[in-house]
Amino acid sequence: MDTIGQDIASLSQRIIKEAGADGIYLSVQSIQDARVSQEVYKNSIAPSELHVLEAANEAGGVNILHICGYEGARNDIHLFTDYPAQVINWAVGPEGISLAEGREIFGGRTVLGGFENGKMVFSTQETRLRFKQKPNVSSQKPERQAWSSVRIVRFK
């Protein structure tokens, strides 16, 4: 894992410094196997992921950590609270954690919600990005939420 992490860290620095990328989008996922505990994840997998983000940060990147829930798999997003990304992304519905809750979990950092895989609707007709509006429980004010996966809907 260390070698892979070092290679991706080096590549991340080069694409930010030399190619002019604004940052990286690093996808992580809790291992969906009971044999891999949080302790094993933190000791065996997390160091290489952290190394990649630290290298991208050193290069001046604005980096997104994508906590990937794939095909119904859920994550313990608390595993990733110490990951040094500027933006944190997860599928709000499947994970059962709102953007407001996530913002608190991640210490006020920018959060970016997403959809469940395979639940997007595309059309070649007139399209529009739809935003979801719901009240912010703590302030009772509407909170506008943009989602990372573009949901495209047809309008007549």
C-alpha atoms as a PDB file:
ATOM      1  CA  MET A   1       0.000   0.000   0.000  1.00  0.00           C
ATOM      2  CA  ASP A   2       2.872   2.368   0.776  1.00  0.00           C
ATOM      3  CA  THR A   3       4.328   2.081  -2.730  1.00  0.00           C
ATOM      4  CA  ILE A   4       0.959   2.704  -4.368  1.00  0.00           C
ATOM      5  CA  GLY A   5       0.327   5.661  -2.047  1.00  0.00           C
ATOM      6  CA  GLN A   6       3.749   7.146  -2.811  1.00  0.00           C
ATOM      7  CA  ASP A   7       3.193   6.821  -6.564  1.00  0.00           C
ATOM      8  CA  ILE A   8      -0.252   8.429  -6.407  1.00  0.00           C
ATOM      9  CA  ALA A   9       1.094  11.165  -4.113  1.00  0.00           C
ATOM     10  CA  SER A  10       3.873  11.953  -6.594  1.00  0.00           C
ATOM     11  CA  LEU A  11       1.424  11.972  -9.492  1.00  0.00           C
ATOM     12  CA  SER A  12      -0.946  14.227  -7.528  1.00  0.00           C
ATOM     13  CA  GLN A  13       1.803  16.763  -6.882  1.00  0.00           C
ATOM     14  CA  ARG A  14       2.850  16.787 -10.521  1.00  0.00           C
ATOM     15  CA  ILE A  15      -0.657  17.237 -11.915  1.00  0.00           C
ATOM     16  CA  ILE A  16      -1.219  20.170  -9.552  1.00  0.00           C
ATOM     17  CA  LYS A  17       2.192  21.846  -9.977  1.00  0.00           C
ATOM     18  CA  GLU A  18       3.026  21.007 -13.576  1.00  0.00           C
ATOM     19  CA  ALA A  19      -0.307  20.438 -15.294  1.00  0.00           C
ATOM     20  CA  GLY A  20      -2.203  23.160 -13.438  1.00  0.00           C
ATOM     21  CA  ALA A  21      -4.936  21.012 -11.885  1.00  0.00           C
ATOM     22  CA  ASP A  22      -6.806  22.733  -9.059  1.00  0.00           C
ATOM     23  CA  GLY A  23      -6.570  19.644  -6.873  1.00  0.00           C
ATOM     24  CA  ILE A  24      -7.462  15.972  -6.699  1.00  0.00           C
ATOM     25  CA  TYR A  25     -10.632  13.940  -6.136  1.00  0.00           C
ATOM     26  CA  LEU A  26      -9.590  11.037  -3.918  1.00  0.00           C
ATOM     27  CA  SER A  27     -12.084   8.209  -3.585  1.00  0.00           C
ATOM     28  CA  VAL A  28     -12.002   6.118  -0.401  1.00  0.00           C
ATOM     29  CA  GLN A  29     -14.332   3.483   1.025  1.00  0.00           C
ATOM     30  CA  SER A  30     -14.717   1.573   4.261  1.00  0.00           C
ATOM     31  CA  ILE A  31     -13.853  -2.043   3.554  1.00  0.00           C
ATOM     32  CA  GLN A  32     -17.111  -4.004   3.390  1.00  0.00           C
ATOM     33  CA  ASP A  33     -15.761  -7.082   5.101  1.00  0.00           C
ATOM     34  CA  ALA A  34     -16.131  -7.935   8.788  1.00  0.00           C
ATOM     35  CA  ARG A  35     -12.528  -9.182   8.838  1.00  0.00           C
ATOM     36  CA  VAL A  36     -11.268  -5.609   8.290  1.00  0.00           C
ATOM     37  CA  SER A  37     -11.844  -3.669  11.496  1.00  0.00           C
ATOM     38  CA  GLN A  38     -11.535   0.089  11.913  1.00  0.00           C
ATOM     39  CA  GLU A  39      -8.164  -0.523  13.555  1.00  0.00           C
ATOM     40  CA  VAL A  40      -6.904  -2.550  10.582  1.00  0.00           C
ATOM     41  CA  TYR A  41      -8.171   0.144   8.196  1.00  0.00           C
ATOM     42  CA  LYS A  42      -6.487   2.942  10.198  1.00  0.00           C
ATOM     43  CA  ASN A  43      -3.183   1.040  10.446  1.00  0.00           C
ATOM     44  CA  SER A  44      -2.976  -0.592   7.007  1.00  0.00           C
ATOM     45  CA  ILE A  45      -4.960   1.469   4.495  1.00  0.00           C
ATOM     46  CA  ALA A  46      -5.349   4.997   5.855  1.00  0.00           C
ATOM     47  CA  PRO A  47      -1.618   5.895   5.901  1.00  0.00           C
ATOM     48  CA  SER A  48      -1.318   5.651   2.106  1.00  0.00           C
ATOM     49  CA  GLU A  49      -4.541   7.630   1.573  1.00  0.00           C
ATOM     50  CA  LEU A  50      -3.390  10.301   4.030  1.00  0.00           C
ATOM     51  CA  HIS A  51      -0.027  10.494   2.275  1.00  0.00           C
ATOM     52  CA  VAL A  52      -1.778  11.216  -1.047  1.00  0.00           C
ATOM     53  CA  LEU A  53      -3.879  14.030   0.449  1.00  0.00           C
ATOM     54  CA  GLU A  54      -0.931  15.536   2.312  1.00  0.00           C
ATOM     55  CA  ALA A  55       1.124  15.584  -0.894  1.00  0.00           C
ATOM     56  CA  ALA A  56      -1.725  17.213  -2.830  1.00  0.00           C
ATOM     57  CA  ASN A  57      -2.110  19.810  -0.080  1.00  0.00           C
ATOM     58  CA  GLU A  58       1.636  20.545  -0.131  1.00  0.00           C
ATOM     59  CA  ALA A  59       1.331  21.177  -3.868  1.00  0.00           C
ATOM     60  CA  GLY A  60      -1.386  23.771  -3.203  1.00  0.00           C
ATOM     61  CA  GLY A  61      -4.385  21.707  -4.257  1.00  0.00           C
ATOM     62  CA  VAL A  62      -7.974  22.218  -3.215  1.00  0.00           C
ATOM     63  CA  ASN A  63      -8.824  18.580  -2.712  1.00  0.00           C
ATOM     64  CA  ILE A  64     -12.054  16.603  -2.525  1.00  0.00           C
ATOM     65  CA  LEU A  65     -12.348  13.447  -0.452  1.00  0.00           C
ATOM     66  CA  HIS A  66     -15.062  11.221  -1.919  1.00  0.00           C
ATOM     67  CA  ILE A  67     -16.315   8.613   0.557  1.00  0.00           C
ATOM     68  CA  CYS A  68     -17.689   6.105  -1.908  1.00  0.00           C
ATOM     69  CA  GLY A  69     -20.702   3.988  -1.082  1.00  0.00           C
ATOM     70  CA  TYR A  70     -20.988   1.573  -3.975  1.00  0.00           C
ATOM     71  CA  GLU A  71     -23.937  -0.702  -4.764  1.00  0.00           C
ATOM     72  CA  GLY A  72     -25.618  -0.118  -1.431  1.00  0.00           C
ATOM     73  CA  ALA A  73     -22.446  -0.358   0.666  1.00  0.00           C
ATOM     74  CA  ARG A  74     -22.447   2.075   3.568  1.00  0.00           C
ATOM     75  CA  ASN A  75     -19.428   3.720   5.153  1.00  0.00           C
ATOM     76  CA  ASP A  76     -18.489   4.807   8.612  1.00  0.00           C
ATOM     77  CA  ILE A  77     -17.655   8.375   7.600  1.00  0.00           C
ATOM     78  CA  HIS A  78     -16.176   8.969  11.034  1.00  0.00           C
ATOM     79  CA  LEU A  79     -13.155   6.944   9.845  1.00  0.00           C
ATOM     80  CA  PHE A  80     -12.250   9.876   7.612  1.00  0.00           C
ATOM     81  CA  THR A  81     -12.600  12.878   9.953  1.00  0.00           C
ATOM     82  CA  ASP A  82      -8.826  13.364  10.164  1.00  0.00           C
ATOM     83  CA  TYR A  83      -8.291  13.252   6.394  1.00  0.00           C
ATOM     84  CA  PRO A  84      -6.927  16.670   5.348  1.00  0.00           C
ATOM     85  CA  ALA A  85      -9.186  17.416   2.384  1.00  0.00           C
ATOM     86  CA  GLN A  86     -10.823  20.796   1.942  1.00  0.00           C
ATOM     87  CA  VAL A  87     -14.093  19.320   0.628  1.00  0.00           C
ATOM     88  CA  ILE A  88     -15.774  16.125   1.852  1.00  0.00           C
ATOM     89  CA  ASN A  89     -18.263  14.249  -0.355  1.00  0.00           C
ATOM     90  CA  TRP A  90     -20.589  11.294   0.308  1.00  0.00           C
ATOM     91  CA  ALA A  91     -23.998  10.043  -0.837  1.00  0.00           C
ATOM     92  CA  VAL A  92     -26.290  11.748   1.646  1.00  0.00           C
ATOM     93  CA  GLY A  93     -29.322   9.450   1.278  1.00  0.00           C
ATOM     94  CA  PRO A  94     -27.666   6.033   1.373  1.00  0.00           C
ATOM     95  CA  GLU A  95     -25.299   7.019   4.198  1.00  0.00           C
ATOM     96  CA  GLY A  96     -28.165   8.549   6.206  1.00  0.00           C
ATOM     97  CA  ILE A  97     -26.075  11.606   7.103  1.00  0.00           C
ATOM     98  CA  SER A  98     -27.315  15.045   6.056  1.00  0.00           C
ATOM     99  CA  LEU A  99     -25.003  17.783   4.843  1.00  0.00           C
ATOM    100  CA  ALA A 100     -25.582  19.725   8.078  1.00  0.00           C
ATOM    101  CA  GLU A 101     -24.656  16.664  10.156  1.00  0.00           C
ATOM    102  CA  GLY A 102     -21.631  16.018   7.965  1.00  0.00           C
ATOM    103  CA  ARG A 103     -20.449  19.596   8.248  1.00  0.00           C
ATOM    104  CA  GLU A 104     -20.468  19.145  12.011  1.00  0.00           C
ATOM    105  CA  ILE A 105     -18.737  15.748  11.830  1.00  0.00           C
ATOM    106  CA  PHE A 106     -16.006  17.241   9.621  1.00  0.00           C
ATOM    107  CA  GLY A 107     -15.400  20.298  11.775  1.00  0.00           C
ATOM    108  CA  GLY A 108     -17.117  22.885   9.588  1.00  0.00           C
ATOM    109  CA  ARG A 109     -15.294  21.977   6.380  1.00  0.00           C
ATOM    110  CA  THR A 110     -17.066  22.288   3.049  1.00  0.00           C
ATOM    111  CA  VAL A 111     -19.305  19.314   2.338  1.00  0.00           C
ATOM    112  CA  LEU A 112     -20.681  18.115  -0.983  1.00  0.00           C
ATOM    113  CA  GLY A 113     -23.621  15.722  -1.121  1.00  0.00           C
ATOM    114  CA  GLY A 114     -24.140  13.018  -3.709  1.00  0.00           C
ATOM    115  CA  PHE A 115     -26.734  10.600  -5.041  1.00  0.00           C
ATOM    116  CA  GLU A 116     -26.951   6.854  -4.819  1.00  0.00           C
ATOM    117  CA  ASN A 117     -25.240   5.131  -7.763  1.00  0.00           C
ATOM    118  CA  GLY A 118     -27.555   4.364 -10.668  1.00  0.00           C
ATOM    119  CA  LYS A 119     -30.289   6.774  -9.572  1.00  0.00           C
ATOM    120  CA  MET A 120     -29.613   9.558 -12.085  1.00  0.00           C
ATOM    121  CA  VAL A 121     -31.995  10.369 -14.928  1.00  0.00           C
ATOM    122  CA  PHE A 122     -30.593  11.665 -18.219  1.00  0.00           C
ATOM    123  CA  SER A 123     -32.336  13.226 -21.182  1.00  0.00           C
ATOM    124  CA  THR A 124     -31.144  14.731 -24.431  1.00  0.00           C
ATOM    125  CA  GLN A 125     -34.068  17.166 -24.318  1.00  0.00           C
ATOM    126  CA  GLU A 126     -33.959  20.480 -22.479  1.00  0.00           C
ATOM    127  CA  THR A 127     -32.101  19.822 -19.243  1.00  0.00           C
ATOM    128  CA  ARG A 128     -31.511  21.543 -15.964  1.00  0.00           C
ATOM    129  CA  LEU A 129     -29.568  20.860 -12.795  1.00  0.00           C
ATOM    130  CA  ARG A 130     -32.049  20.442  -9.987  1.00  0.00           C
ATOM    131  CA  PHE A 131     -31.251  21.624  -6.485  1.00  0.00           C
ATOM    132  CA  LYS A 132     -32.849  20.166  -3.416  1.00  0.00           C
ATOM    133  CA  GLN A 133     -34.180  22.628  -0.873  1.00  0.00           C
ATOM    134  CA  LYS A 134     -34.999  21.682   2.682  1.00  0.00           C
ATOM    135  CA  PRO A 135     -35.075  23.499   6.017  1.00  0.00           C
ATOM    136  CA  ASN A 136     -31.929  23.689   8.087  1.00  0.00           C
ATOM    137  CA  VAL A 137     -33.030  22.061  11.338  1.00  0.00           C
ATOM    138  CA  SER A 138     -30.802  24.221  13.525  1.00  0.00           C
ATOM    139  CA  SER A 139     -31.896  27.581  12.094  1.00  0.00           C
ATOM    140  CA  GLN A 140     -35.274  26.740  10.508  1.00  0.00           C
ATOM    141  CA  LYS A 141     -34.081  28.604   7.397  1.00  0.00           C
ATOM    142  CA  PRO A 142     -34.077  26.975   3.966  1.00  0.00           C
ATOM    143  CA  GLU A 143     -30.695  25.530   3.111  1.00  0.00           C
ATOM    144  CA  ARG A 144     -29.822  25.184  -0.554  1.00  0.00           C
ATOM    145  CA  GLN A 145     -27.918  22.010  -1.289  1.00  0.00           C
ATOM    146  CA  ALA A 146     -26.122  21.218  -4.535  1.00  0.00           C
ATOM    147  CA  TRP A 147     -25.249  17.599  -5.261  1.00  0.00           C
ATOM    148  CA  SER A 148     -22.048  16.194  -6.726  1.00  0.00           C
ATOM    149  CA  SER A 149     -23.726  13.833  -9.170  1.00  0.00           C
ATOM    150  CA  VAL A 150     -25.677  15.839 -11.678  1.00  0.00           C
ATOM    151  CA  ARG A 151     -29.323  14.859 -11.756  1.00  0.00           C
ATOM    152  CA  ILE A 152     -30.711  15.826 -15.136  1.00  0.00           C
ATOM    153  CA  VAL A 153     -34.475  15.996 -15.601  1.00  0.00           C
ATOM    154  CA  ARG A 154     -36.606  16.596 -18.686  1.00  0.00           C
ATOM    155  CA  PHE A 155     -38.784  19.697 -18.858  1.00  0.00           C
ATOM    156  CA  LYS A 156     -41.558  20.078 -21.434  1.00  0.00           C
END
